[in-house]
Structure formats: structure tokens, C-alpha cells
Amino acid sequence: IDERREATHDGVIRLPADVQLKADWSKTPYPLSFEVTFHADISIRESLLKDVHKTANAFLKATQVHEPPGILGAWCLQTLITWTKMGVISGVNLG
């Protein structure tokens, strides 16, 4: 499992909400960017692995049904995992 950071966007989302809402982003010399600037390996609680595998298997089965023969080759799911539950799939990368 890995984590990625996206240029200025990652810094902005770490600001308190009231600061984000007050900022005039049109006047900054640093426009919002989603350019990926960092990847790092991270670990996950072992108790969450069953949820990760369940989600990945469901996704694979869905691709086999809707786009036979399904995904061939490398792929990854983007999701959000909180302290209390597994999130929804927010994106898929192929290749």
C-alpha cells in the first residue's frame, strides 16, 4: 500500500477549513496543483486486509462481468481508509 502527495493541493487540504475558505487562491503565486510529487510505502492494520481483499476481489469480478475478460496486467484502487471503516473506491489506475 502506498501514499501519495499532490503538490500544493496536499498542503491546502491540511489547513483548517476556515483558513481555506478565507484564502483568495487567485492571488497566490502557487496555483493549486494535483501533480503527484511524492510516493511512499505505508503499512495497514492486519485486521483491515480482509476488507481490502474483499473490495479488490469485488472490483475484479465486476470488470470481468462488464468488460470481459476483465483487467489484465497491473492495476490499483484508490480509496480512503479511516480509523473506523474502509472507504469507497475513489479511483482506479491501470498500467
PDB file of N, CA and C in Angstrom:
ATOM      1  N   ILE A   1       0.862  -1.165   0.000  1.00  0.00           N
ATOM      2  CA  ILE A   1       0.000   0.000   0.000  1.00  0.00           C
ATOM      3  C   ILE A   1       0.904   1.222   0.000  1.00  0.00           C
ATOM      4  N   ASP A   2       0.517   2.238  -0.742  1.00  0.00           N
ATOM      5  CA  ASP A   2       1.334   3.443  -0.760  1.00  0.00           C
ATOM      6  C   ASP A   2       0.476   4.679  -0.553  1.00  0.00           C
ATOM      7  N   GLU A   3       1.166   5.749  -0.256  1.00  0.00           N
ATOM      8  CA  GLU A   3       0.540   7.060  -0.061  1.00  0.00           C
ATOM      9  C   GLU A   3       1.171   7.990  -1.085  1.00  0.00           C
ATOM     10  N   ARG A   4       0.397   8.919  -1.589  1.00  0.00           N
ATOM     11  CA  ARG A   4       0.986   9.897  -2.494  1.00  0.00           C
ATOM     12  C   ARG A   4       0.606  11.302  -2.057  1.00  0.00           C
ATOM     13  N   ARG A   5       1.470  12.226  -2.367  1.00  0.00           N
ATOM     14  CA  ARG A   5       1.224  13.636  -2.074  1.00  0.00           C
ATOM     15  C   ARG A   5       1.127  14.376  -3.392  1.00  0.00           C
ATOM     16  N   GLU A   6       0.191  15.306  -3.450  1.00  0.00           N
ATOM     17  CA  GLU A   6      -0.061  16.039  -4.684  1.00  0.00           C
ATOM     18  C   GLU A   6       0.225  17.521  -4.496  1.00  0.00           C
ATOM     19  N   ALA A   7       1.422  17.914  -4.839  1.00  0.00           N
ATOM     20  CA  ALA A   7       1.896  19.300  -4.844  1.00  0.00           C
ATOM     21  C   ALA A   7       1.157  20.219  -3.868  1.00  0.00           C
ATOM     22  N   THR A   8       0.676  21.350  -4.348  1.00  0.00           N
ATOM     23  CA  THR A   8       0.065  22.332  -3.445  1.00  0.00           C
ATOM     24  C   THR A   8      -1.266  21.864  -2.884  1.00  0.00           C
ATOM     25  N   HIS A   9      -1.982  21.029  -3.612  1.00  0.00           N
ATOM     26  CA  HIS A   9      -3.278  20.542  -3.135  1.00  0.00           C
ATOM     27  C   HIS A   9      -3.135  19.861  -1.780  1.00  0.00           C
ATOM     28  N   ASP A  10      -2.088  19.063  -1.609  1.00  0.00           N
ATOM     29  CA  ASP A  10      -1.899  18.338  -0.356  1.00  0.00           C
ATOM     30  C   ASP A  10      -1.689  19.298   0.813  1.00  0.00           C
ATOM     31  N   GLY A  11      -0.960  20.374   0.578  1.00  0.00           N
ATOM     32  CA  GLY A  11      -0.755  21.350   1.645  1.00  0.00           C
ATOM     33  C   GLY A  11      -2.025  22.097   2.000  1.00  0.00           C
ATOM     34  N   VAL A  12      -2.802  22.459   0.993  1.00  0.00           N
ATOM     35  CA  VAL A  12      -4.039  23.209   1.217  1.00  0.00           C
ATOM     36  C   VAL A  12      -5.027  22.401   2.049  1.00  0.00           C
ATOM     37  N   ILE A  13      -5.179  21.115   1.751  1.00  0.00           N
ATOM     38  CA  ILE A  13      -6.170  20.325   2.486  1.00  0.00           C
ATOM     39  C   ILE A  13      -5.769  20.086   3.934  1.00  0.00           C
ATOM     40  N   ARG A  14      -4.531  20.375   4.287  1.00  0.00           N
ATOM     41  CA  ARG A  14      -4.094  20.242   5.676  1.00  0.00           C
ATOM     42  C   ARG A  14      -4.340  21.524   6.487  1.00  0.00           C
ATOM     43  N   LEU A  15      -4.741  22.591   5.803  1.00  0.00           N
ATOM     44  CA  LEU A  15      -5.084  23.830   6.504  1.00  0.00           C
ATOM     45  C   LEU A  15      -6.467  23.691   7.134  1.00  0.00           C
ATOM     46  N   PRO A  16      -6.712  24.380   8.251  1.00  0.00           N
ATOM     47  CA  PRO A  16      -8.062  24.362   8.829  1.00  0.00           C
ATOM     48  C   PRO A  16      -9.082  24.891   7.813  1.00  0.00           C
ATOM     49  N   ALA A  17     -10.295  24.380   7.872  1.00  0.00           N
ATOM     50  CA  ALA A  17     -11.337  24.740   6.902  1.00  0.00           C
ATOM     51  C   ALA A  17     -11.578  26.239   6.845  1.00  0.00           C
ATOM     52  N   ASP A  18     -11.578  26.916   7.999  1.00  0.00           N
ATOM     53  CA  ASP A  18     -11.848  28.355   7.985  1.00  0.00           C
ATOM     54  C   ASP A  18     -10.753  29.121   7.241  1.00  0.00           C
ATOM     55  N   VAL A  19      -9.518  28.661   7.318  1.00  0.00           N
ATOM     56  CA  VAL A  19      -8.422  29.304   6.591  1.00  0.00           C
ATOM     57  C   VAL A  19      -8.578  29.054   5.088  1.00  0.00           C
ATOM     58  N   GLN A  20      -8.936  27.835   4.717  1.00  0.00           N
ATOM     59  CA  GLN A  20      -9.144  27.524   3.301  1.00  0.00           C
ATOM     60  C   GLN A  20     -10.239  28.400   2.699  1.00  0.00           C
ATOM     61  N   LEU A  21     -11.321  28.599   3.444  1.00  0.00           N
ATOM     62  CA  LEU A  21     -12.453  29.374   2.931  1.00  0.00           C
ATOM     63  C   LEU A  21     -12.134  30.859   2.800  1.00  0.00           C
ATOM     64  N   LYS A  22     -11.270  31.385   3.664  1.00  0.00           N
ATOM     65  CA  LYS A  22     -10.926  32.813   3.630  1.00  0.00           C
ATOM     66  C   LYS A  22      -9.873  33.142   2.574  1.00  0.00           C
ATOM     67  N   ALA A  23      -9.094  32.166   2.174  1.00  0.00           N
ATOM     68  CA  ALA A  23      -7.971  32.426   1.269  1.00  0.00           C
ATOM     69  C   ALA A  23      -8.460  32.831  -0.120  1.00  0.00           C
ATOM     70  N   ASP A  24      -7.763  33.792  -0.710  1.00  0.00           N
ATOM     71  CA  ASP A  24      -8.039  34.195  -2.092  1.00  0.00           C
ATOM     72  C   ASP A  24      -7.005  33.495  -2.968  1.00  0.00           C
ATOM     73  N   TRP A  25      -7.366  32.327  -3.463  1.00  0.00           N
ATOM     74  CA  TRP A  25      -6.411  31.493  -4.186  1.00  0.00           C
ATOM     75  C   TRP A  25      -6.002  32.103  -5.523  1.00  0.00           C
ATOM     76  N   SER A  26      -6.759  33.077  -6.026  1.00  0.00           N
ATOM     77  CA  SER A  26      -6.391  33.701  -7.303  1.00  0.00           C
ATOM     78  C   SER A  26      -5.176  34.613  -7.148  1.00  0.00           C
ATOM     79  N   LYS A  27      -4.837  34.988  -5.924  1.00  0.00           N
ATOM     80  CA  LYS A  27      -3.728  35.915  -5.701  1.00  0.00           C
ATOM     81  C   LYS A  27      -2.447  35.224  -5.235  1.00  0.00           C
ATOM     82  N   THR A  28      -2.452  33.917  -5.172  1.00  0.00           N
ATOM     83  CA  THR A  28      -1.248  33.224  -4.723  1.00  0.00           C
ATOM     84  C   THR A  28      -0.317  32.949  -5.902  1.00  0.00           C
ATOM     85  N   PRO A  29       0.995  33.030  -5.673  1.00  0.00           N
ATOM     86  CA  PRO A  29       1.932  32.679  -6.741  1.00  0.00           C
ATOM     87  C   PRO A  29       2.030  31.159  -6.925  1.00  0.00           C
ATOM     88  N   TYR A  30       1.352  30.419  -6.069  1.00  0.00           N
ATOM     89  CA  TYR A  30       1.399  28.956  -6.116  1.00  0.00           C
ATOM     90  C   TYR A  30       0.004  28.409  -6.411  1.00  0.00           C
ATOM     91  N   PRO A  31      -0.369  28.296  -7.670  1.00  0.00           N
ATOM     92  CA  PRO A  31      -1.713  27.813  -8.005  1.00  0.00           C
ATOM     93  C   PRO A  31      -1.907  26.369  -7.537  1.00  0.00           C
ATOM     94  N   LEU A  32      -3.165  26.021  -7.272  1.00  0.00           N
ATOM     95  CA  LEU A  32      -3.459  24.653  -6.862  1.00  0.00           C
ATOM     96  C   LEU A  32      -3.028  23.686  -7.955  1.00  0.00           C
ATOM     97  N   SER A  33      -2.368  22.632  -7.537  1.00  0.00           N
ATOM     98  CA  SER A  33      -1.869  21.644  -8.483  1.00  0.00           C
ATOM     99  C   SER A  33      -2.121  20.249  -7.932  1.00  0.00           C
ATOM    100  N   PHE A  34      -2.476  19.330  -8.809  1.00  0.00           N
ATOM    101  CA  PHE A  34      -2.665  17.936  -8.414  1.00  0.00           C
ATOM    102  C   PHE A  34      -1.519  17.071  -8.934  1.00  0.00           C
ATOM    103  N   GLU A  35      -0.399  17.706  -9.278  1.00  0.00           N
ATOM    104  CA  GLU A  35       0.761  16.961  -9.762  1.00  0.00           C
ATOM    105  C   GLU A  35       1.319  16.109  -8.625  1.00  0.00           C
ATOM    106  N   VAL A  36       1.455  14.816  -8.869  1.00  0.00           N
ATOM    107  CA  VAL A  36       1.975  13.920  -7.837  1.00  0.00           C
ATOM    108  C   VAL A  36       3.465  14.183  -7.669  1.00  0.00           C
ATOM    109  N   THR A  37       3.863  14.504  -6.440  1.00  0.00           N
ATOM    110  CA  THR A  37       5.252  14.842  -6.162  1.00  0.00           C
ATOM    111  C   THR A  37       5.928  13.868  -5.210  1.00  0.00           C
ATOM    112  N   PHE A  38       5.177  12.906  -4.677  1.00  0.00           N
ATOM    113  CA  PHE A  38       5.745  12.050  -3.641  1.00  0.00           C
ATOM    114  C   PHE A  38       4.959  10.749  -3.550  1.00  0.00           C
ATOM    115  N   HIS A  39       5.651   9.643  -3.415  1.00  0.00           N
ATOM    116  CA  HIS A  39       5.049   8.340  -3.131  1.00  0.00           C
ATOM    117  C   HIS A  39       5.835   7.713  -1.989  1.00  0.00           C
ATOM    118  N   ALA A  40       5.160   7.026  -1.091  1.00  0.00           N
ATOM    119  CA  ALA A  40       5.843   6.333   0.000  1.00  0.00           C
ATOM    120  C   ALA A  40       5.062   5.081   0.371  1.00  0.00           C
ATOM    121  N   ASP A  41       5.796   4.055   0.760  1.00  0.00           N
ATOM    122  CA  ASP A  41       5.138   2.844   1.256  1.00  0.00           C
ATOM    123  C   ASP A  41       4.594   3.098   2.646  1.00  0.00           C
ATOM    124  N   ILE A  42       3.418   2.573   2.912  1.00  0.00           N
ATOM    125  CA  ILE A  42       2.847   2.655   4.253  1.00  0.00           C
ATOM    126  C   ILE A  42       2.300   1.283   4.621  1.00  0.00           C
ATOM    127  N   SER A  43       2.066   1.095   5.887  1.00  0.00           N
ATOM    128  CA  SER A  43       1.515  -0.189   6.330  1.00  0.00           C
ATOM    129  C   SER A  43       0.046  -0.011   6.686  1.00  0.00           C
ATOM    130  N   ILE A  44      -0.646  -1.124   6.799  1.00  0.00           N
ATOM    131  CA  ILE A  44      -2.066  -1.107   7.123  1.00  0.00           C
ATOM    132  C   ILE A  44      -2.301  -2.109   8.251  1.00  0.00           C
ATOM    133  N   ARG A  45      -3.276  -1.841   9.052  1.00  0.00           N
ATOM    134  CA  ARG A  45      -3.630  -2.790  10.105  1.00  0.00           C
ATOM    135  C   ARG A  45      -3.979  -4.131   9.473  1.00  0.00           C
ATOM    136  N   GLU A  46      -3.465  -5.187  10.054  1.00  0.00           N
ATOM    137  CA  GLU A  46      -3.749  -6.520   9.522  1.00  0.00           C
ATOM    138  C   GLU A  46      -5.247  -6.808   9.520  1.00  0.00           C
ATOM    139  N   SER A  47      -5.957  -6.263  10.495  1.00  0.00           N
ATOM    140  CA  SER A  47      -7.402  -6.501  10.577  1.00  0.00           C
ATOM    141  C   SER A  47      -8.159  -5.885   9.398  1.00  0.00           C
ATOM    142  N   LEU A  48      -7.554  -4.923   8.699  1.00  0.00           N
ATOM    143  CA  LEU A  48      -8.209  -4.301   7.543  1.00  0.00           C
ATOM    144  C   LEU A  48      -7.935  -5.036   6.233  1.00  0.00           C
ATOM    145  N   LEU A  49      -6.965  -5.943   6.242  1.00  0.00           N
ATOM    146  CA  LEU A  49      -6.603  -6.626   5.000  1.00  0.00           C
ATOM    147  C   LEU A  49      -7.770  -7.388   4.386  1.00  0.00           C
ATOM    148  N   LYS A  50      -8.595  -8.010   5.220  1.00  0.00           N
ATOM    149  CA  LYS A  50      -9.744  -8.753   4.674  1.00  0.00           C
ATOM    150  C   LYS A  50     -10.675  -7.815   3.914  1.00  0.00           C
ATOM    151  N   ASP A  51     -10.833  -6.583   4.399  1.00  0.00           N
ATOM    152  CA  ASP A  51     -11.675  -5.607   3.705  1.00  0.00           C
ATOM    153  C   ASP A  51     -11.039  -5.165   2.390  1.00  0.00           C
ATOM    154  N   VAL A  52      -9.725  -4.989   2.404  1.00  0.00           N
ATOM    155  CA  VAL A  52      -9.014  -4.607   1.186  1.00  0.00           C
ATOM    156  C   VAL A  52      -9.165  -5.709   0.141  1.00  0.00           C
ATOM    157  N   HIS A  53      -8.937  -6.949   0.550  1.00  0.00           N
ATOM    158  CA  HIS A  53      -9.052  -8.075  -0.389  1.00  0.00           C
ATOM    159  C   HIS A  53     -10.484  -8.231  -0.897  1.00  0.00           C
ATOM    160  N   LYS A  54     -11.459  -8.055  -0.015  1.00  0.00           N
ATOM    161  CA  LYS A  54     -12.870  -8.164  -0.412  1.00  0.00           C
ATOM    162  C   LYS A  54     -13.211  -7.099  -1.464  1.00  0.00           C
ATOM    163  N   THR A  55     -12.773  -5.878  -1.239  1.00  0.00           N
ATOM    164  CA  THR A  55     -13.036  -4.785  -2.177  1.00  0.00           C
ATOM    165  C   THR A  55     -12.351  -5.040  -3.516  1.00  0.00           C
ATOM    166  N   ALA A  56     -11.086  -5.457  -3.472  1.00  0.00           N
ATOM    167  CA  ALA A  56     -10.338  -5.724  -4.703  1.00  0.00           C
ATOM    168  C   ALA A  56     -10.964  -6.871  -5.491  1.00  0.00           C
ATOM    169  N   ASN A  57     -11.356  -7.930  -4.801  1.00  0.00           N
ATOM    170  CA  ASN A  57     -11.980  -9.070  -5.490  1.00  0.00           C
ATOM    171  C   ASN A  57     -13.313  -8.686  -6.119  1.00  0.00           C
ATOM    172  N   ALA A  58     -14.105  -7.885  -5.416  1.00  0.00           N
ATOM    173  CA  ALA A  58     -15.387  -7.430  -5.970  1.00  0.00           C
ATOM    174  C   ALA A  58     -15.158  -6.585  -7.222  1.00  0.00           C
ATOM    175  N   PHE A  59     -14.133  -5.737  -7.180  1.00  0.00           N
ATOM    176  CA  PHE A  59     -13.811  -4.913  -8.341  1.00  0.00           C
ATOM    177  C   PHE A  59     -13.391  -5.787  -9.527  1.00  0.00           C
ATOM    178  N   LEU A  60     -12.528  -6.766  -9.273  1.00  0.00           N
ATOM    179  CA  LEU A  60     -12.089  -7.662 -10.345  1.00  0.00           C
ATOM    180  C   LEU A  60     -13.259  -8.413 -10.964  1.00  0.00           C
ATOM    181  N   LYS A  61     -14.152  -8.922 -10.123  1.00  0.00           N
ATOM    182  CA  LYS A  61     -15.320  -9.645 -10.634  1.00  0.00           C
ATOM    183  C   LYS A  61     -16.215  -8.727 -11.465  1.00  0.00           C
ATOM    184  N   ALA A  62     -16.375  -7.482 -11.031  1.00  0.00           N
ATOM    185  CA  ALA A  62     -17.199  -6.529 -11.781  1.00  0.00           C
ATOM    186  C   ALA A  62     -16.602  -6.246 -13.152  1.00  0.00           C
ATOM    187  N   THR A  63     -15.274  -6.126 -13.232  1.00  0.00           N
ATOM    188  CA  THR A  63     -14.660  -5.881 -14.545  1.00  0.00           C
ATOM    189  C   THR A  63     -14.813  -7.091 -15.457  1.00  0.00           C
ATOM    190  N   GLN A  64     -14.793  -8.289 -14.882  1.00  0.00           N
ATOM    191  CA  GLN A  64     -14.977  -9.500 -15.691  1.00  0.00           C
ATOM    192  C   GLN A  64     -16.395  -9.570 -16.256  1.00  0.00           C
ATOM    193  N   VAL A  65     -17.369  -9.118 -15.487  1.00  0.00           N
ATOM    194  CA  VAL A  65     -18.767  -9.139 -15.932  1.00  0.00           C
ATOM    195  C   VAL A  65     -19.031  -8.052 -16.974  1.00  0.00           C
ATOM    196  N   HIS A  66     -18.553  -6.840 -16.696  1.00  0.00           N
ATOM    197  CA  HIS A  66     -18.895  -5.690 -17.543  1.00  0.00           C
ATOM    198  C   HIS A  66     -17.935  -5.461 -18.706  1.00  0.00           C
ATOM    199  N   GLU A  67     -16.694  -5.912 -18.584  1.00  0.00           N
ATOM    200  CA  GLU A  67     -15.691  -5.734 -19.646  1.00  0.00           C
ATOM    201  C   GLU A  67     -14.843  -7.001 -19.770  1.00  0.00           C
ATOM    202  N   PRO A  68     -15.431  -8.113 -20.225  1.00  0.00           N
ATOM    203  CA  PRO A  68     -14.681  -9.361 -20.331  1.00  0.00           C
ATOM    204  C   PRO A  68     -13.421  -9.174 -21.172  1.00  0.00           C
ATOM    205  N   PRO A  69     -12.335  -9.766 -20.821  1.00  0.00           N
ATOM    206  CA  PRO A  69     -12.137 -10.745 -19.761  1.00  0.00           C
ATOM    207  C   PRO A  69     -11.787 -10.125 -18.412  1.00  0.00           C
ATOM    208  N   GLY A  70     -11.970  -8.834 -18.258  1.00  0.00           N
ATOM    209  CA  GLY A  70     -11.587  -8.166 -17.013  1.00  0.00           C
ATOM    210  C   GLY A  70     -10.237  -7.495 -17.166  1.00  0.00           C
ATOM    211  N   ILE A  71      -9.670  -7.070 -16.063  1.00  0.00           N
ATOM    212  CA  ILE A  71      -8.381  -6.373 -16.095  1.00  0.00           C
ATOM    213  C   ILE A  71      -7.254  -7.381 -16.256  1.00  0.00           C
ATOM    214  N   LEU A  72      -6.377  -7.110 -17.211  1.00  0.00           N
ATOM    215  CA  LEU A  72      -5.165  -7.899 -17.405  1.00  0.00           C
ATOM    216  C   LEU A  72      -3.989  -6.977 -17.148  1.00  0.00           C
ATOM    217  N   GLY A  73      -3.089  -7.371 -16.305  1.00  0.00           N
ATOM    218  CA  GLY A  73      -1.923  -6.545 -16.017  1.00  0.00           C
ATOM    219  C   GLY A  73      -2.053  -5.791 -14.710  1.00  0.00           C
ATOM    220  N   ALA A  74      -1.151  -4.859 -14.529  1.00  0.00           N
ATOM    221  CA  ALA A  74      -1.071  -4.116 -13.264  1.00  0.00           C
ATOM    222  C   ALA A  74      -2.243  -3.155 -13.100  1.00  0.00           C
ATOM    223  N   TRP A  75      -2.693  -2.988 -11.864  1.00  0.00           N
ATOM    224  CA  TRP A  75      -3.775  -2.054 -11.555  1.00  0.00           C
ATOM    225  C   TRP A  75      -3.725  -1.724 -10.071  1.00  0.00           C
ATOM    226  N   CYS A  76      -4.388  -0.649  -9.685  1.00  0.00           N
ATOM    227  CA  CYS A  76      -4.505  -0.310  -8.263  1.00  0.00           C
ATOM    228  C   CYS A  76      -5.838   0.390  -8.028  1.00  0.00           C
ATOM    229  N   LEU A  77      -6.316   0.298  -6.807  1.00  0.00           N
ATOM    230  CA  LEU A  77      -7.532   1.000  -6.398  1.00  0.00           C
ATOM    231  C   LEU A  77      -7.135   2.164  -5.514  1.00  0.00           C
ATOM    232  N   GLN A  78      -7.810   3.283  -5.677  1.00  0.00           N
ATOM    233  CA  GLN A  78      -7.613   4.412  -4.781  1.00  0.00           C
ATOM    234  C   GLN A  78      -8.805   4.465  -3.853  1.00  0.00           C
ATOM    235  N   THR A  79      -8.539   4.551  -2.572  1.00  0.00           N
ATOM    236  CA  THR A  79      -9.626   4.568  -1.604  1.00  0.00           C
ATOM    237  C   THR A  79      -9.211   5.358  -0.377  1.00  0.00           C
ATOM    238  N   LEU A  80     -10.144   5.561   0.493  1.00  0.00           N
ATOM    239  CA  LEU A  80      -9.887   6.240   1.754  1.00  0.00           C
ATOM    240  C   LEU A  80     -10.228   5.273   2.870  1.00  0.00           C
ATOM    241  N   ILE A  81      -9.279   5.056   3.760  1.00  0.00           N
ATOM    242  CA  ILE A  81      -9.500   4.180   4.905  1.00  0.00           C
ATOM    243  C   ILE A  81      -9.384   5.037   6.156  1.00  0.00           C
ATOM    244  N   THR A  82     -10.428   5.046   6.977  1.00  0.00           N
ATOM    245  CA  THR A  82     -10.411   5.818   8.218  1.00  0.00           C
ATOM    246  C   THR A  82     -10.122   4.889   9.388  1.00  0.00           C
ATOM    247  N   TRP A  83     -10.114   5.443  10.579  1.00  0.00           N
ATOM    248  CA  TRP A  83      -9.873   4.628  11.772  1.00  0.00           C
ATOM    249  C   TRP A  83     -11.001   3.634  12.004  1.00  0.00           C
ATOM    250  N   THR A  84     -12.182   3.917  11.482  1.00  0.00           N
ATOM    251  CA  THR A  84     -13.322   3.065  11.802  1.00  0.00           C
ATOM    252  C   THR A  84     -13.809   2.187  10.662  1.00  0.00           C
ATOM    253  N   LYS A  85     -13.508   2.544   9.417  1.00  0.00           N
ATOM    254  CA  LYS A  85     -14.031   1.712   8.328  1.00  0.00           C
ATOM    255  C   LYS A  85     -13.276   1.919   7.030  1.00  0.00           C
ATOM    256  N   MET A  86     -13.525   1.012   6.112  1.00  0.00           N
ATOM    257  CA  MET A  86     -12.989   1.074   4.769  1.00  0.00           C
ATOM    258  C   MET A  86     -13.835   2.045   3.960  1.00  0.00           C
ATOM    259  N   GLY A  87     -13.219   2.879   3.163  1.00  0.00           N
ATOM    260  CA  GLY A  87     -13.966   3.846   2.366  1.00  0.00           C
ATOM    261  C   GLY A  87     -14.402   3.276   1.038  1.00  0.00           C
ATOM    262  N   VAL A  88     -14.971   4.116   0.232  1.00  0.00           N
ATOM    263  CA  VAL A  88     -15.404   3.709  -1.105  1.00  0.00           C
ATOM    264  C   VAL A  88     -14.241   3.854  -2.078  1.00  0.00           C
ATOM    265  N   ILE A  89     -14.336   3.177  -3.201  1.00  0.00           N
ATOM    266  CA  ILE A  89     -13.301   3.309  -4.223  1.00  0.00           C
ATOM    267  C   ILE A  89     -13.430   4.687  -4.848  1.00  0.00           C
ATOM    268  N   SER A  90     -12.330   5.427  -4.852  1.00  0.00           N
ATOM    269  CA  SER A  90     -12.383   6.778  -5.401  1.00  0.00           C
ATOM    270  C   SER A  90     -11.690   6.881  -6.751  1.00  0.00           C
ATOM    271  N   GLY A  91     -11.049   5.809  -7.175  1.00  0.00           N
ATOM    272  CA  GLY A  91     -10.394   5.846  -8.471  1.00  0.00           C
ATOM    273  C   GLY A  91      -9.704   4.530  -8.766  1.00  0.00           C
ATOM    274  N   VAL A  92      -9.360   4.334 -10.023  1.00  0.00           N
ATOM    275  CA  VAL A  92      -8.662   3.126 -10.464  1.00  0.00           C
ATOM    276  C   VAL A  92      -7.566   3.553 -11.419  1.00  0.00           C
ATOM    277  N   ASN A  93      -6.376   2.995 -11.258  1.00  0.00           N
ATOM    278  CA  ASN A  93      -5.277   3.244 -12.182  1.00  0.00           C
ATOM    279  C   ASN A  93      -4.908   1.940 -12.859  1.00  0.00           C
ATOM    280  N   LEU A  94      -4.755   1.977 -14.153  1.00  0.00           N
ATOM    281  CA  LEU A  94      -4.358   0.799 -14.919  1.00  0.00           C
ATOM    282  C   LEU A  94      -2.985   1.026 -15.517  1.00  0.00           C
ATOM    283  N   GLY A  95      -2.237  -0.073 -15.663  1.00  0.00           N
ATOM    284  CA  GLY A  95      -0.943   0.015 -16.322  1.00  0.00           C
ATOM    285  C   GLY A  95       0.111   0.108 -15.367  1.00  0.00           C
TER     286      GLY A  95
END
